[in-house]
Amino acid sequence: MKTVSNVLIKNLGSGIKKVIINDPKTYNSLSFSTLNLLLKNFKKLDSDNSTKVIVLESAGKGFSAGHNLKEVRSLKKRSKYLKLFNLCSKLMLQIVEGKKPVIAKVHGAAYAAGCQLVASCDLAYSTNEATFATPGVNIGLFCSTPMVAVSRKVNRKRMMKMLLTGEPIKANYAKEIGLINNHFSKAKLNSEVLKLAKTIASKSNLTIKIGKQAFYKQLEMPLRKAYAYTSRMMTLNMMAMDAKEGISAFLEKRKPKWKNK
């Protein structure tokens, strides 16, 4: 019997790659195995020049239930718990710090570390029926690492309510509080995400890389430092061939020919 990997990669064309969490029997839980595979594949795609945009989705009934609680219960040692949570954090940092834009395509439930995964992606779109939660408090394990990602998308009062009650929120509310960009019917979600991915993929890879890096770095800085840093980044960007080509194409009313240099 052929063993199917917990993580699959599909080429959608136009520089768009799809990463699929493929462990529906555990509701796509983020086990050691799945986390390692995700981290390995995100690193690989990040260094692949042909990849321009990454779409992250899951197989089965839902996006991800978070950590595999059967696995967590079996660890028992402090060092093993720390290893698991550090590995999960490495994956989230890889998504944020990576050069390629990542779009979460969410259906069903995205709970705990699954919700963290959605929040870590640059953009997130879901079905109308999708739900999101940080429910650790219900099992005596506060969602401390998930809150790092989610609290950087959602304001404090709303975040604390999610953390303190563990109650799930619906897609329309997730959009209202900034956890996701938008939600669509099941039939429409795929085409909407693909359309967006193609739009982003049509831009200069170099410009997107510079911009993504600058966006996250400046968020953590005081205002004066953020302006000084982004002025340096815009200067760096301006010295690139693509910036010169883009400006010339705009002034000459033609389509730019990106060199990604």
C-alpha atoms as a PDB file:
ATOM      1  CA  MET A   1       0.000   0.000   0.000  1.00  0.00           C
ATOM      2  CA  LYS A   2       1.432   3.387  -1.007  1.00  0.00           C
ATOM      3  CA  THR A   3       2.094   5.848   1.811  1.00  0.00           C
ATOM      4  CA  VAL A   4       0.886   9.357   1.031  1.00  0.00           C
ATOM      5  CA  SER A   5       2.836  12.260   2.518  1.00  0.00           C
ATOM      6  CA  ASN A   6       1.237  14.515   5.123  1.00  0.00           C
ATOM      7  CA  VAL A   7       2.262  17.471   2.954  1.00  0.00           C
ATOM      8  CA  LEU A   8       1.756  17.687  -0.813  1.00  0.00           C
ATOM      9  CA  ILE A   9       3.020  20.277  -3.306  1.00  0.00           C
ATOM     10  CA  LYS A  10       1.175  21.129  -6.525  1.00  0.00           C
ATOM     11  CA  ASN A  11       2.220  23.433  -9.335  1.00  0.00           C
ATOM     12  CA  LEU A  12      -0.698  25.661 -10.390  1.00  0.00           C
ATOM     13  CA  GLY A  13       1.282  27.407 -13.144  1.00  0.00           C
ATOM     14  CA  SER A  14       2.144  31.131 -13.451  1.00  0.00           C
ATOM     15  CA  GLY A  15       4.691  30.719 -10.641  1.00  0.00           C
ATOM     16  CA  ILE A  16       2.023  29.666  -8.130  1.00  0.00           C
ATOM     17  CA  LYS A  17       2.656  26.638  -5.897  1.00  0.00           C
ATOM     18  CA  LYS A  18       0.102  25.011  -3.624  1.00  0.00           C
ATOM     19  CA  VAL A  19       1.106  23.474  -0.284  1.00  0.00           C
ATOM     20  CA  ILE A  20      -1.510  21.009   0.973  1.00  0.00           C
ATOM     21  CA  ILE A  21      -1.651  19.699   4.547  1.00  0.00           C
ATOM     22  CA  ASN A  22      -2.794  16.140   3.886  1.00  0.00           C
ATOM     23  CA  ASP A  23      -3.658  14.442   7.162  1.00  0.00           C
ATOM     24  CA  PRO A  24      -7.472  14.553   7.242  1.00  0.00           C
ATOM     25  CA  LYS A  25      -7.709  11.604   9.668  1.00  0.00           C
ATOM     26  CA  THR A  26      -6.304  13.852  12.410  1.00  0.00           C
ATOM     27  CA  TYR A  27      -8.085  16.971  11.103  1.00  0.00           C
ATOM     28  CA  ASN A  28      -4.737  18.071   9.620  1.00  0.00           C
ATOM     29  CA  SER A  29      -3.147  18.333  13.042  1.00  0.00           C
ATOM     30  CA  LEU A  30       0.316  19.867  13.301  1.00  0.00           C
ATOM     31  CA  SER A  31       2.287  16.853  14.484  1.00  0.00           C
ATOM     32  CA  PHE A  32       6.095  16.713  14.592  1.00  0.00           C
ATOM     33  CA  SER A  33       6.016  14.981  11.207  1.00  0.00           C
ATOM     34  CA  THR A  34       3.690  17.492   9.548  1.00  0.00           C
ATOM     35  CA  LEU A  35       5.508  20.503  11.008  1.00  0.00           C
ATOM     36  CA  ASN A  36       8.875  19.205   9.770  1.00  0.00           C
ATOM     37  CA  LEU A  37       7.486  18.558   6.293  1.00  0.00           C
ATOM     38  CA  LEU A  38       5.856  21.989   6.128  1.00  0.00           C
ATOM     39  CA  LEU A  39       9.045  23.705   7.260  1.00  0.00           C
ATOM     40  CA  LYS A  40      11.153  21.745   4.755  1.00  0.00           C
ATOM     41  CA  ASN A  41       8.796  22.523   1.855  1.00  0.00           C
ATOM     42  CA  PHE A  42       8.391  26.212   2.682  1.00  0.00           C
ATOM     43  CA  LYS A  43      12.186  26.581   2.803  1.00  0.00           C
ATOM     44  CA  LYS A  44      12.495  24.759  -0.515  1.00  0.00           C
ATOM     45  CA  LEU A  45       9.864  26.912  -2.229  1.00  0.00           C
ATOM     46  CA  ASP A  46      11.385  30.061  -0.770  1.00  0.00           C
ATOM     47  CA  SER A  47      14.705  29.332  -2.478  1.00  0.00           C
ATOM     48  CA  ASP A  48      13.054  28.274  -5.754  1.00  0.00           C
ATOM     49  CA  ASN A  49      13.264  31.112  -8.297  1.00  0.00           C
ATOM     50  CA  SER A  50      10.303  29.771 -10.282  1.00  0.00           C
ATOM     51  CA  THR A  51       7.970  30.105  -7.272  1.00  0.00           C
ATOM     52  CA  LYS A  52       6.334  33.529  -6.986  1.00  0.00           C
ATOM     53  CA  VAL A  53       3.340  32.903  -4.706  1.00  0.00           C
ATOM     54  CA  ILE A  54       2.465  30.071  -2.282  1.00  0.00           C
ATOM     55  CA  VAL A  55      -1.110  29.008  -1.500  1.00  0.00           C
ATOM     56  CA  LEU A  56      -1.586  26.986   1.706  1.00  0.00           C
ATOM     57  CA  GLU A  57      -4.650  24.769   2.064  1.00  0.00           C
ATOM     58  CA  SER A  58      -5.696  21.464   3.626  1.00  0.00           C
ATOM     59  CA  ALA A  59      -7.405  18.218   2.642  1.00  0.00           C
ATOM     60  CA  GLY A  60     -10.552  16.794   4.216  1.00  0.00           C
ATOM     61  CA  LYS A  61     -13.224  18.467   6.321  1.00  0.00           C
ATOM     62  CA  GLY A  62     -11.209  21.280   7.878  1.00  0.00           C
ATOM     63  CA  PHE A  63      -8.071  23.401   7.743  1.00  0.00           C
ATOM     64  CA  SER A  64      -6.280  22.322  10.948  1.00  0.00           C
ATOM     65  CA  ALA A  65      -7.182  21.403  14.511  1.00  0.00           C
ATOM     66  CA  GLY A  66      -3.791  22.568  15.776  1.00  0.00           C
ATOM     67  CA  HIS A  67      -1.341  20.300  17.597  1.00  0.00           C
ATOM     68  CA  ASN A  68      -2.022  16.560  17.686  1.00  0.00           C
ATOM     69  CA  LEU A  69      -3.215  16.147  21.280  1.00  0.00           C
ATOM     70  CA  LYS A  70      -2.573  12.382  21.341  1.00  0.00           C
ATOM     71  CA  GLU A  71       1.034  13.103  20.386  1.00  0.00           C
ATOM     72  CA  VAL A  72       1.280  15.967  22.889  1.00  0.00           C
ATOM     73  CA  ARG A  73       0.004  13.741  25.710  1.00  0.00           C
ATOM     74  CA  SER A  74       2.595  11.067  24.852  1.00  0.00           C
ATOM     75  CA  LEU A  75       5.595  13.440  25.033  1.00  0.00           C
ATOM     76  CA  LYS A  76       5.620  13.775  28.851  1.00  0.00           C
ATOM     77  CA  LYS A  77       9.071  15.388  29.072  1.00  0.00           C
ATOM     78  CA  ARG A  78       9.638  19.128  29.313  1.00  0.00           C
ATOM     79  CA  SER A  79      12.366  18.978  26.630  1.00  0.00           C
ATOM     80  CA  LYS A  80      10.017  17.264  24.173  1.00  0.00           C
ATOM     81  CA  TYR A  81       7.241  19.810  24.733  1.00  0.00           C
ATOM     82  CA  LEU A  82       9.705  22.627  24.155  1.00  0.00           C
ATOM     83  CA  LYS A  83      11.023  20.939  21.005  1.00  0.00           C
ATOM     84  CA  LEU A  84       7.486  20.705  19.581  1.00  0.00           C
ATOM     85  CA  PHE A  85       6.521  24.313  20.328  1.00  0.00           C
ATOM     86  CA  ASN A  86       9.868  25.632  19.067  1.00  0.00           C
ATOM     87  CA  LEU A  87       9.452  23.672  15.840  1.00  0.00           C
ATOM     88  CA  CYS A  88       5.984  25.146  15.363  1.00  0.00           C
ATOM     89  CA  SER A  89       7.391  28.634  15.963  1.00  0.00           C
ATOM     90  CA  LYS A  90      10.128  28.000  13.362  1.00  0.00           C
ATOM     91  CA  LEU A  91       7.466  27.208  10.763  1.00  0.00           C
ATOM     92  CA  MET A  92       5.511  30.382  11.554  1.00  0.00           C
ATOM     93  CA  LEU A  93       8.691  32.488  11.345  1.00  0.00           C
ATOM     94  CA  GLN A  94       9.626  30.866   8.030  1.00  0.00           C
ATOM     95  CA  ILE A  95       6.261  31.906   6.567  1.00  0.00           C
ATOM     96  CA  VAL A  96       6.572  35.483   7.849  1.00  0.00           C
ATOM     97  CA  GLU A  97      10.275  35.945   7.092  1.00  0.00           C
ATOM     98  CA  GLY A  98      10.250  34.071   3.783  1.00  0.00           C
ATOM     99  CA  LYS A  99      10.593  35.962   0.500  1.00  0.00           C
ATOM    100  CA  LYS A 100       7.424  34.594  -1.115  1.00  0.00           C
ATOM    101  CA  PRO A 101       3.887  35.814  -0.320  1.00  0.00           C
ATOM    102  CA  VAL A 102       1.775  33.089   1.315  1.00  0.00           C
ATOM    103  CA  ILE A 103      -2.018  32.962   0.994  1.00  0.00           C
ATOM    104  CA  ALA A 104      -4.015  30.794   3.412  1.00  0.00           C
ATOM    105  CA  LYS A 105      -7.052  29.169   1.776  1.00  0.00           C
ATOM    106  CA  VAL A 106      -9.229  28.023   4.672  1.00  0.00           C
ATOM    107  CA  HIS A 107     -12.219  25.718   4.881  1.00  0.00           C
ATOM    108  CA  GLY A 108     -13.842  24.187   7.949  1.00  0.00           C
ATOM    109  CA  ALA A 109     -12.149  24.839  11.277  1.00  0.00           C
ATOM    110  CA  ALA A 110      -8.796  26.504  11.948  1.00  0.00           C
ATOM    111  CA  TYR A 111      -8.185  26.056  15.658  1.00  0.00           C
ATOM    112  CA  ALA A 112      -5.283  26.737  18.053  1.00  0.00           C
ATOM    113  CA  ALA A 113      -2.009  26.308  16.092  1.00  0.00           C
ATOM    114  CA  GLY A 114      -4.194  25.994  12.966  1.00  0.00           C
ATOM    115  CA  CYS A 115      -5.525  29.493  13.648  1.00  0.00           C
ATOM    116  CA  GLN A 116      -1.920  30.579  14.287  1.00  0.00           C
ATOM    117  CA  LEU A 117      -0.992  29.224  10.857  1.00  0.00           C
ATOM    118  CA  VAL A 118      -3.734  31.291   9.198  1.00  0.00           C
ATOM    119  CA  ALA A 119      -2.630  34.428  11.056  1.00  0.00           C
ATOM    120  CA  SER A 120       1.008  33.846  10.078  1.00  0.00           C
ATOM    121  CA  CYS A 121       0.206  33.858   6.364  1.00  0.00           C
ATOM    122  CA  ASP A 122       0.431  37.187   4.546  1.00  0.00           C
ATOM    123  CA  LEU A 123      -3.143  36.927   3.286  1.00  0.00           C
ATOM    124  CA  ALA A 124      -6.055  34.681   4.286  1.00  0.00           C
ATOM    125  CA  TYR A 125      -9.341  33.795   2.581  1.00  0.00           C
ATOM    126  CA  SER A 126     -11.935  31.306   3.724  1.00  0.00           C
ATOM    127  CA  THR A 127     -15.266  29.700   2.953  1.00  0.00           C
ATOM    128  CA  ASN A 128     -18.344  31.343   4.455  1.00  0.00           C
ATOM    129  CA  GLU A 129     -18.662  28.364   6.813  1.00  0.00           C
ATOM    130  CA  ALA A 130     -15.092  28.437   8.172  1.00  0.00           C
ATOM    131  CA  THR A 131     -14.559  28.939  11.908  1.00  0.00           C
ATOM    132  CA  PHE A 132     -11.532  30.095  13.889  1.00  0.00           C
ATOM    133  CA  ALA A 133     -10.609  29.645  17.543  1.00  0.00           C
ATOM    134  CA  THR A 134      -7.858  29.696  20.153  1.00  0.00           C
ATOM    135  CA  PRO A 135      -9.546  27.099  22.411  1.00  0.00           C
ATOM    136  CA  GLY A 136      -6.594  25.969  24.529  1.00  0.00           C
ATOM    137  CA  VAL A 137      -8.193  27.315  27.707  1.00  0.00           C
ATOM    138  CA  ASN A 138     -10.867  24.599  27.376  1.00  0.00           C
ATOM    139  CA  ILE A 139      -8.260  21.862  27.903  1.00  0.00           C
ATOM    140  CA  GLY A 140      -6.079  23.689  30.425  1.00  0.00           C
ATOM    141  CA  LEU A 141      -3.418  24.702  27.900  1.00  0.00           C
ATOM    142  CA  PHE A 142      -3.534  28.429  27.134  1.00  0.00           C
ATOM    143  CA  CYS A 143      -2.925  29.221  23.426  1.00  0.00           C
ATOM    144  CA  SER A 144       0.271  31.160  24.168  1.00  0.00           C
ATOM    145  CA  THR A 145       2.168  30.554  20.925  1.00  0.00           C
ATOM    146  CA  PRO A 146      -0.933  30.915  18.709  1.00  0.00           C
ATOM    147  CA  MET A 147      -1.662  34.292  20.315  1.00  0.00           C
ATOM    148  CA  VAL A 148       1.691  35.653  19.075  1.00  0.00           C
ATOM    149  CA  ALA A 149       0.527  35.435  15.453  1.00  0.00           C
ATOM    150  CA  VAL A 150      -3.175  36.154  15.993  1.00  0.00           C
ATOM    151  CA  SER A 151      -2.621  39.155  18.307  1.00  0.00           C
ATOM    152  CA  ARG A 152      -0.570  40.801  15.553  1.00  0.00           C
ATOM    153  CA  LYS A 153      -3.661  40.720  13.339  1.00  0.00           C
ATOM    154  CA  VAL A 154      -6.456  41.271  15.893  1.00  0.00           C
ATOM    155  CA  ASN A 155      -6.761  44.033  18.491  1.00  0.00           C
ATOM    156  CA  ARG A 156      -6.250  43.286  22.189  1.00  0.00           C
ATOM    157  CA  LYS A 157      -9.816  43.223  23.529  1.00  0.00           C
ATOM    158  CA  ARG A 158     -11.069  40.930  20.768  1.00  0.00           C
ATOM    159  CA  MET A 159      -7.985  38.728  21.018  1.00  0.00           C
ATOM    160  CA  MET A 160      -8.353  38.362  24.781  1.00  0.00           C
ATOM    161  CA  LYS A 161     -11.995  37.322  24.389  1.00  0.00           C
ATOM    162  CA  MET A 162     -10.958  34.563  21.969  1.00  0.00           C
ATOM    163  CA  LEU A 163      -8.191  33.430  24.336  1.00  0.00           C
ATOM    164  CA  LEU A 164     -10.187  33.609  27.586  1.00  0.00           C
ATOM    165  CA  THR A 165     -13.379  31.953  26.327  1.00  0.00           C
ATOM    166  CA  GLY A 166     -11.983  29.574  23.713  1.00  0.00           C
ATOM    167  CA  GLU A 167     -15.155  30.161  21.703  1.00  0.00           C
ATOM    168  CA  PRO A 168     -14.977  29.857  17.899  1.00  0.00           C
ATOM    169  CA  ILE A 169     -15.705  32.817  15.665  1.00  0.00           C
ATOM    170  CA  LYS A 170     -17.336  32.742  12.241  1.00  0.00           C
ATOM    171  CA  ALA A 171     -15.800  33.871   8.956  1.00  0.00           C
ATOM    172  CA  ASN A 172     -17.714  37.154   8.764  1.00  0.00           C
ATOM    173  CA  TYR A 173     -16.473  38.176  12.232  1.00  0.00           C
ATOM    174  CA  ALA A 174     -12.937  36.950  11.427  1.00  0.00           C
ATOM    175  CA  LYS A 175     -12.988  39.346   8.472  1.00  0.00           C
ATOM    176  CA  GLU A 176     -14.358  42.187  10.614  1.00  0.00           C
ATOM    177  CA  ILE A 177     -11.531  41.884  13.165  1.00  0.00           C
ATOM    178  CA  GLY A 178      -8.790  41.493  10.553  1.00  0.00           C
ATOM    179  CA  LEU A 179      -7.911  37.817  10.961  1.00  0.00           C
ATOM    180  CA  ILE A 180      -8.829  37.082   7.331  1.00  0.00           C
ATOM    181  CA  ASN A 181      -9.128  39.274   4.251  1.00  0.00           C
ATOM    182  CA  ASN A 182     -12.428  37.902   2.969  1.00  0.00           C
ATOM    183  CA  HIS A 183     -14.716  34.869   2.746  1.00  0.00           C
ATOM    184  CA  PHE A 184     -16.594  33.294  -0.158  1.00  0.00           C
ATOM    185  CA  SER A 185     -18.859  30.386  -0.981  1.00  0.00           C
ATOM    186  CA  LYS A 186     -17.131  27.000  -1.358  1.00  0.00           C
ATOM    187  CA  ALA A 187     -17.724  27.143  -5.104  1.00  0.00           C
ATOM    188  CA  LYS A 188     -16.114  30.579  -5.424  1.00  0.00           C
ATOM    189  CA  LEU A 189     -13.170  30.372  -2.988  1.00  0.00           C
ATOM    190  CA  ASN A 190     -10.728  28.568  -5.272  1.00  0.00           C
ATOM    191  CA  SER A 191     -11.220  30.905  -8.244  1.00  0.00           C
ATOM    192  CA  GLU A 192     -10.960  34.009  -6.038  1.00  0.00           C
ATOM    193  CA  VAL A 193      -7.707  32.850  -4.411  1.00  0.00           C
ATOM    194  CA  LEU A 194      -6.223  31.820  -7.763  1.00  0.00           C
ATOM    195  CA  LYS A 195      -7.154  35.174  -9.309  1.00  0.00           C
ATOM    196  CA  LEU A 196      -5.435  36.992  -6.441  1.00  0.00           C
ATOM    197  CA  ALA A 197      -2.356  34.748  -6.622  1.00  0.00           C
ATOM    198  CA  LYS A 198      -2.021  35.399 -10.361  1.00  0.00           C
ATOM    199  CA  THR A 199      -2.237  39.154  -9.785  1.00  0.00           C
ATOM    200  CA  ILE A 200       0.571  39.018  -7.202  1.00  0.00           C
ATOM    201  CA  ALA A 201       2.639  36.648  -9.373  1.00  0.00           C
ATOM    202  CA  SER A 202       2.498  39.169 -12.231  1.00  0.00           C
ATOM    203  CA  LYS A 203       4.532  41.683 -10.186  1.00  0.00           C
ATOM    204  CA  SER A 204       8.324  41.875  -9.850  1.00  0.00           C
ATOM    205  CA  ASN A 205       9.583  39.071  -7.571  1.00  0.00           C
ATOM    206  CA  LEU A 206      12.358  41.314  -6.287  1.00  0.00           C
ATOM    207  CA  THR A 207       9.983  44.153  -5.429  1.00  0.00           C
ATOM    208  CA  ILE A 208       7.635  41.779  -3.579  1.00  0.00           C
ATOM    209  CA  LYS A 209      10.566  40.301  -1.610  1.00  0.00           C
ATOM    210  CA  ILE A 210      11.865  43.727  -0.565  1.00  0.00           C
ATOM    211  CA  GLY A 211       8.382  44.937   0.315  1.00  0.00           C
ATOM    212  CA  LYS A 212       7.363  41.903   2.353  1.00  0.00           C
ATOM    213  CA  GLN A 213      10.550  42.040   4.417  1.00  0.00           C
ATOM    214  CA  ALA A 214      10.165  45.775   5.024  1.00  0.00           C
ATOM    215  CA  PHE A 215       6.482  45.468   5.981  1.00  0.00           C
ATOM    216  CA  TYR A 216       7.053  43.074   8.892  1.00  0.00           C
ATOM    217  CA  LYS A 217      10.258  44.715  10.131  1.00  0.00           C
ATOM    218  CA  GLN A 218       8.839  48.239  10.287  1.00  0.00           C
ATOM    219  CA  LEU A 219       5.788  47.057  12.251  1.00  0.00           C
ATOM    220  CA  GLU A 220       7.996  46.301  15.261  1.00  0.00           C
ATOM    221  CA  MET A 221       9.798  49.675  15.161  1.00  0.00           C
ATOM    222  CA  PRO A 222       9.035  53.069  16.731  1.00  0.00           C
ATOM    223  CA  LEU A 223       7.688  55.552  14.154  1.00  0.00           C
ATOM    224  CA  ARG A 224      10.923  57.509  13.620  1.00  0.00           C
ATOM    225  CA  LYS A 225      13.004  54.341  13.167  1.00  0.00           C
ATOM    226  CA  ALA A 226      10.365  52.860  10.854  1.00  0.00           C
ATOM    227  CA  TYR A 227      10.575  55.873   8.531  1.00  0.00           C
ATOM    228  CA  ALA A 228      14.388  55.792   8.523  1.00  0.00           C
ATOM    229  CA  TYR A 229      14.396  52.048   7.788  1.00  0.00           C
ATOM    230  CA  THR A 230      11.764  52.192   5.024  1.00  0.00           C
ATOM    231  CA  SER A 231      13.540  55.170   3.412  1.00  0.00           C
ATOM    232  CA  ARG A 232      16.639  52.979   3.140  1.00  0.00           C
ATOM    233  CA  MET A 233      14.573  50.099   1.763  1.00  0.00           C
ATOM    234  CA  MET A 234      12.883  52.308  -0.854  1.00  0.00           C
ATOM    235  CA  THR A 235      16.314  53.589  -1.891  1.00  0.00           C
ATOM    236  CA  LEU A 236      17.543  49.998  -2.210  1.00  0.00           C
ATOM    237  CA  ASN A 237      14.433  49.169  -4.244  1.00  0.00           C
ATOM    238  CA  MET A 238      14.887  52.233  -6.449  1.00  0.00           C
ATOM    239  CA  MET A 239      18.401  51.141  -7.398  1.00  0.00           C
ATOM    240  CA  ALA A 240      17.042  47.869  -8.841  1.00  0.00           C
ATOM    241  CA  MET A 241      16.467  47.410 -12.571  1.00  0.00           C
ATOM    242  CA  ASP A 242      12.813  46.514 -11.995  1.00  0.00           C
ATOM    243  CA  ALA A 243      12.031  49.867 -10.375  1.00  0.00           C
ATOM    244  CA  LYS A 244      13.571  51.719 -13.312  1.00  0.00           C
ATOM    245  CA  GLU A 245      11.716  49.450 -15.767  1.00  0.00           C
ATOM    246  CA  GLY A 246       8.418  49.851 -13.900  1.00  0.00           C
ATOM    247  CA  ILE A 247       8.607  53.637 -13.846  1.00  0.00           C
ATOM    248  CA  SER A 248       9.601  53.762 -17.533  1.00  0.00           C
ATOM    249  CA  ALA A 249       6.772  51.391 -18.491  1.00  0.00           C
ATOM    250  CA  PHE A 250       4.240  53.526 -16.591  1.00  0.00           C
ATOM    251  CA  LEU A 251       5.418  56.758 -18.224  1.00  0.00           C
ATOM    252  CA  GLU A 252       5.550  55.122 -21.659  1.00  0.00           C
ATOM    253  CA  LYS A 253       2.097  53.531 -21.148  1.00  0.00           C
ATOM    254  CA  ARG A 254       3.257  49.953 -21.723  1.00  0.00           C
ATOM    255  CA  LYS A 255       3.428  46.698 -19.782  1.00  0.00           C
ATOM    256  CA  PRO A 256       6.625  46.288 -17.720  1.00  0.00           C
ATOM    257  CA  LYS A 257       9.088  43.493 -18.513  1.00  0.00           C
ATOM    258  CA  TRP A 258      10.409  42.392 -15.143  1.00  0.00           C
ATOM    259  CA  LYS A 259      13.997  41.159 -14.844  1.00  0.00           C
ATOM    260  CA  ASN A 260      13.645  40.454 -11.100  1.00  0.00           C
ATOM    261  CA  LYS A 261      16.920  42.336 -10.622  1.00  0.00           C
END
